[in-house]
């Protein structure tokens, strides 16, 4: 059969058309990874940031190895909210003050490279004092209720008592009392504008606003807040980590997805 001039000829795909080049695949992979990284950085910068409890100062509610999520939009944004605490102007965008009883993550005033976690006790303008371990805010003692002995995971041989403390709005949480200690008595202090008075729940094992900034936190500038601790996602025993799958056998199953009080 003779092919006429109008009969279309079969198109033979070239090697280039058949499959993308190795270079094209590399470029596409890099683009995908860059987009995913940018999205992760954006989320961590603007919305949520993971945080791992580094010390026992917030026992018994939060323990070493707890992996929690911090909401950055809860109080607005400042340079402390951004990675590496860049040298931007002071102030806070869309600022909201915490509530008394909030658990907050912040940059330590005397060393902004250190990230700490404590509970807000006093707001700007409040008067705060401590007498025999009882916290008084604006002339009203925070009600306490003894709950019996507790276990200090940081110092297992140290006797501690569990004490429920209740804020004026009804929010309750459990603290540790290790007996008479230097931090059990502090004179009345007025919290200045733009500052917060914070304390750890492990009252006798927490360097907080009861101590000067060179030892503990001192008064905490609102601008140093990173965000509010919202939920414990998971918890690992010492030596384990989220990015080390072979250590997940040390996961504490009883502490999965626990809202922070």
Protein backbone atom coordinates (compact mmCIF):
# COMPACT_ATOMS: atom_id res chain seq x y z
CA UNK A 1 0.00 0.00 0.00
CA UNK A 2 1.42 3.34 -0.99
CA UNK A 3 1.37 6.20 1.60
CA UNK A 4 -0.23 9.34 0.22
CA UNK A 5 1.16 12.77 1.05
CA UNK A 6 -1.86 13.48 3.32
CA UNK A 7 -1.32 10.42 5.53
CA UNK A 8 0.09 11.57 8.91
CA UNK A 9 3.35 10.01 9.89
CA UNK A 10 3.67 8.30 13.27
CA UNK A 11 5.35 10.44 15.90
CA UNK A 12 8.24 8.72 17.61
CA UNK A 13 8.77 10.15 21.13
CA UNK A 14 12.23 11.35 21.80
CA UNK A 15 14.21 10.37 24.87
CA UNK A 16 13.67 13.87 26.22
CA UNK A 17 9.87 13.62 25.87
CA UNK A 18 9.67 10.12 27.33
CA UNK A 19 10.93 10.93 30.80
CA UNK A 20 12.12 13.99 32.69
CA UNK A 21 15.85 14.38 32.99
CA UNK A 22 17.63 13.61 36.22
CA UNK A 23 18.30 17.31 36.66
CA UNK A 24 14.56 18.10 36.38
CA UNK A 25 13.81 15.56 39.11
CA UNK A 26 16.46 17.04 41.38
CA UNK A 27 15.12 20.57 40.85
CA UNK A 28 11.54 19.46 41.59
CA UNK A 29 12.65 17.62 44.74
CA UNK A 30 14.53 20.67 45.97
CA UNK A 31 11.49 22.88 45.30
CA UNK A 32 9.21 20.52 47.23
CA UNK A 33 11.59 20.36 50.18
CA UNK A 34 12.02 24.14 50.19
CA UNK A 35 8.25 24.68 50.17
CA UNK A 36 7.77 22.21 53.02
CA UNK A 37 10.57 23.84 55.02
CA UNK A 38 9.14 27.32 54.42
CA UNK A 39 5.69 26.16 55.55
CA UNK A 40 7.15 24.58 58.70
CA UNK A 41 9.12 27.72 59.54
CA UNK A 42 6.05 29.90 58.94
CA UNK A 43 3.85 27.76 61.19
CA UNK A 44 6.49 27.67 63.93
CA UNK A 45 7.10 31.41 63.67
CA UNK A 46 3.48 32.55 63.57
CA UNK A 47 1.23 29.90 65.10
CA UNK A 48 2.67 27.00 67.07
CA UNK A 49 6.06 25.95 68.37
CA UNK A 50 7.13 22.67 69.98
CA UNK A 51 8.89 22.80 73.33
CA UNK A 52 10.46 20.13 75.51
CA UNK A 53 10.40 20.46 79.31
CA UNK A 54 14.06 20.80 80.34
CA UNK A 55 13.77 20.86 84.15
CA UNK A 56 11.66 19.72 87.10
CA UNK A 57 10.49 23.22 88.08
CA UNK A 58 6.93 22.60 86.85
CA UNK A 59 6.35 19.21 88.51
CA UNK A 60 3.98 17.56 89.07
CA UNK A 61 1.92 18.89 86.15
CA UNK A 62 4.82 18.99 83.68
CA UNK A 63 7.82 16.69 83.92
CA UNK A 64 11.20 16.42 82.23
CA UNK A 65 10.73 14.86 78.80
CA UNK A 66 7.23 16.25 78.14
CA UNK A 67 6.92 17.37 74.53
CA UNK A 68 4.35 20.14 74.33
CA UNK A 69 2.90 22.66 71.91
CA UNK A 70 3.03 26.43 72.53
CA UNK A 71 0.53 28.78 70.86
CA UNK A 72 2.31 31.95 69.74
CA UNK A 73 -0.80 33.90 68.81
CA UNK A 74 -2.21 33.74 72.38
CA UNK A 75 -0.45 36.94 73.45
CA UNK A 76 0.59 38.49 70.13
CA UNK A 77 4.06 38.59 68.64
CA UNK A 78 7.35 40.22 69.59
CA UNK A 79 10.94 39.61 68.59
CA UNK A 80 11.06 36.98 71.36
CA UNK A 81 8.48 35.00 69.37
CA UNK A 82 10.81 34.72 66.38
CA UNK A 83 13.60 32.18 65.96
CA UNK A 84 16.96 33.38 67.32
CA UNK A 85 15.41 36.49 68.96
CA UNK A 86 16.50 38.90 66.16
CA UNK A 87 17.41 42.50 67.10
CA UNK A 88 14.09 44.05 66.09
CA UNK A 89 12.38 47.02 67.77
CA UNK A 90 10.80 46.32 71.16
CA UNK A 91 7.03 46.06 71.59
CA UNK A 92 4.40 43.47 70.81
CA UNK A 93 2.08 43.15 67.83
CA UNK A 94 -1.59 42.46 68.75
CA UNK A 95 -0.62 42.23 72.42
CA UNK A 96 -2.83 40.33 74.86
CA UNK A 97 -1.88 39.94 78.50
CA UNK A 98 -1.86 36.42 79.93
CA UNK A 99 -4.41 35.40 82.54
CA UNK A 100 -3.34 34.56 86.06
CA UNK A 101 -2.66 30.85 86.10
CA UNK A 102 -1.52 30.57 82.47
CA UNK A 103 1.56 28.45 81.86
CA UNK A 104 3.88 30.49 79.65
CA UNK A 105 7.07 29.86 77.70
CA UNK A 106 9.46 32.80 77.52
CA UNK A 107 13.01 33.96 76.98
CA UNK A 108 14.88 34.44 80.24
CA UNK A 109 15.46 38.19 80.69
CA UNK A 110 19.10 37.85 81.75
CA UNK A 111 19.88 35.42 78.91
CA UNK A 112 17.40 35.52 76.00
CA UNK A 113 19.00 32.45 74.42
CA UNK A 114 17.54 30.36 77.26
CA UNK A 115 13.88 29.34 76.98
CA UNK A 116 12.04 28.79 80.29
CA UNK A 117 8.53 27.84 81.38
CA UNK A 118 6.58 29.03 84.46
CA UNK A 119 3.07 29.88 85.64
CA UNK A 120 1.78 33.47 85.69
CA UNK A 121 0.87 34.54 89.22
CA UNK A 122 0.80 38.35 89.04
CA UNK A 123 -0.10 40.79 86.25
CA UNK A 124 1.00 44.42 85.86
CA UNK A 125 -0.26 46.45 88.83
CA UNK A 126 -0.86 43.41 91.07
CA UNK A 127 0.65 43.08 94.52
CA UNK A 128 2.16 39.66 95.22
CA UNK A 129 3.58 38.18 98.40
CA UNK A 130 4.37 34.73 99.78
CA UNK A 131 4.01 33.75 103.44
CA UNK A 132 4.76 30.23 104.70
CA UNK A 133 4.28 28.95 101.15
CA UNK A 134 0.88 30.61 100.66
CA UNK A 135 0.71 33.02 97.72
CA UNK A 136 -1.30 36.22 98.15
CA UNK A 137 -2.36 38.35 95.17
CA UNK A 138 -3.95 41.77 95.70
CA UNK A 139 -4.57 40.98 99.35
CA UNK A 140 -6.32 37.65 98.69
CA UNK A 141 -4.56 34.39 99.53
CA UNK A 142 -4.84 31.74 96.82
CA UNK A 143 -6.82 28.87 98.40
CA UNK A 144 -4.83 25.70 98.96
CA UNK A 145 -5.90 22.10 99.63
CA UNK A 146 -3.57 19.33 100.78
CA UNK A 147 -3.67 16.23 98.55
CA UNK A 148 -1.14 14.00 100.28
CA UNK A 149 2.42 12.89 99.47
CA UNK A 150 3.78 13.15 95.93
CA UNK A 151 6.75 11.77 94.01
CA UNK A 152 9.47 14.15 92.90
CA UNK A 153 10.84 12.49 89.75
CA UNK A 154 13.86 14.79 89.75
CA UNK A 155 14.82 13.92 93.33
CA UNK A 156 13.01 10.65 94.17
CA UNK A 157 14.23 10.60 97.75
CA UNK A 158 12.99 14.11 98.50
CA UNK A 159 9.71 14.14 100.44
CA UNK A 160 7.10 16.42 98.88
CA UNK A 161 3.45 17.12 99.53
CA UNK A 162 0.93 17.73 96.76
CA UNK A 163 -1.02 20.94 97.24
CA UNK A 164 -3.90 22.08 95.03
CA UNK A 165 -3.82 25.82 94.42
CA UNK A 166 -6.81 27.69 93.03
CA UNK A 167 -6.89 30.99 91.17
CA UNK A 168 -9.63 33.57 91.70
CA UNK A 169 -11.32 32.46 88.44
CA UNK A 170 -11.60 28.89 89.75
CA UNK A 171 -8.70 27.43 87.76
CA UNK A 172 -6.94 24.79 89.86
CA UNK A 173 -3.59 23.03 89.49
CA UNK A 174 -1.32 20.95 91.72
CA UNK A 175 1.95 22.21 93.20
CA UNK A 176 4.73 20.53 95.18
CA UNK A 177 5.72 21.63 98.68
CA UNK A 178 9.02 20.29 99.96
CA UNK A 179 8.77 21.81 103.43
CA UNK A 180 10.25 25.04 104.80
CA UNK A 181 12.50 26.67 102.21
CA UNK A 182 13.92 30.13 101.50
CA UNK A 183 11.31 30.87 98.83
CA UNK A 184 8.36 30.26 101.18
CA UNK A 185 8.40 33.86 102.39
CA UNK A 186 8.63 36.91 100.17
CA UNK A 187 7.58 40.49 101.01
CA UNK A 188 4.81 42.33 99.18
CA UNK A 189 5.93 43.36 95.71
CA UNK A 190 4.09 45.53 93.20
CA UNK A 191 4.35 44.20 89.65
CA UNK A 192 5.41 47.14 87.43
CA UNK A 193 3.77 47.98 84.09
CA UNK A 194 4.83 45.65 81.30
CA UNK A 195 6.03 42.98 83.74
CA UNK A 196 4.75 39.65 85.09
CA UNK A 197 5.35 37.72 88.31
CA UNK A 198 5.83 34.02 87.51
CA UNK A 199 6.41 30.93 89.64
CA UNK A 200 7.12 27.25 89.06
CA UNK A 201 4.67 24.66 90.39
CA UNK A 202 7.52 22.79 92.08
CA UNK A 203 7.70 25.64 94.54
CA UNK A 204 10.88 24.65 96.35
CA UNK A 205 12.73 23.69 93.18
CA UNK A 206 12.08 26.70 90.94
CA UNK A 207 14.18 29.80 90.31
CA UNK A 208 11.41 32.18 89.36
CA UNK A 209 10.23 35.74 90.11
CA UNK A 210 10.92 35.25 93.80
CA UNK A 211 14.60 35.42 92.91
CA UNK A 212 16.62 38.14 91.23
CA UNK A 213 17.33 37.91 87.51
CA UNK A 214 20.94 36.82 87.96
CA UNK A 215 19.74 33.75 89.90
CA UNK A 216 16.26 33.10 88.54
CA UNK A 217 13.78 34.93 86.35
CA UNK A 218 13.19 38.11 88.30
CA UNK A 219 10.21 40.04 87.01
CA UNK A 220 9.35 38.90 83.50
CA UNK A 221 8.88 41.51 80.73
CA UNK A 222 5.74 40.80 78.71
CA UNK A 223 7.86 41.35 75.58
CA UNK A 224 9.85 38.20 76.46
CA UNK A 225 6.84 35.91 76.10
CA UNK A 226 7.00 33.30 73.36
CA UNK A 227 3.52 31.92 73.94
CA UNK A 228 1.12 29.88 76.07
CA UNK A 229 1.73 26.19 76.75
CA UNK A 230 -1.39 24.40 75.50
CA UNK A 231 -1.05 20.63 75.44
CA UNK A 232 1.42 17.85 76.18
CA UNK A 233 1.58 15.87 72.94
CA UNK A 234 3.80 13.09 74.25
CA UNK A 235 6.42 12.38 76.89
CA UNK A 236 9.64 10.39 76.87
CA UNK A 237 11.89 9.12 79.60
CA UNK A 238 15.45 10.51 79.65
CA UNK A 239 17.48 9.59 76.59
CA UNK A 240 14.51 9.36 74.22
CA UNK A 241 13.38 11.90 71.63
CA UNK A 242 10.79 12.38 68.89
CA UNK A 243 13.44 12.42 66.16
CA UNK A 244 15.00 9.14 67.42
CA UNK A 245 12.45 6.44 66.50
CA UNK A 246 14.58 3.69 68.04
CA UNK A 247 14.04 5.31 71.46
CA UNK A 248 10.23 5.40 71.27
CA UNK A 249 10.09 2.34 73.49
CA UNK A 250 10.68 4.84 76.31
CA UNK A 251 7.44 6.67 75.53
CA UNK A 252 5.22 7.36 78.56
CA UNK A 253 1.79 6.21 77.28
CA UNK A 254 -0.09 7.78 80.17
CA UNK A 255 0.94 11.29 79.12
CA UNK A 256 -0.29 11.34 75.53
CA UNK A 257 -2.31 14.44 74.52
CA UNK A 258 -2.85 16.02 77.94
CA UNK A 259 -4.21 19.55 78.13
CA UNK A 260 -2.15 21.81 80.37
CA UNK A 261 -4.05 23.26 83.32
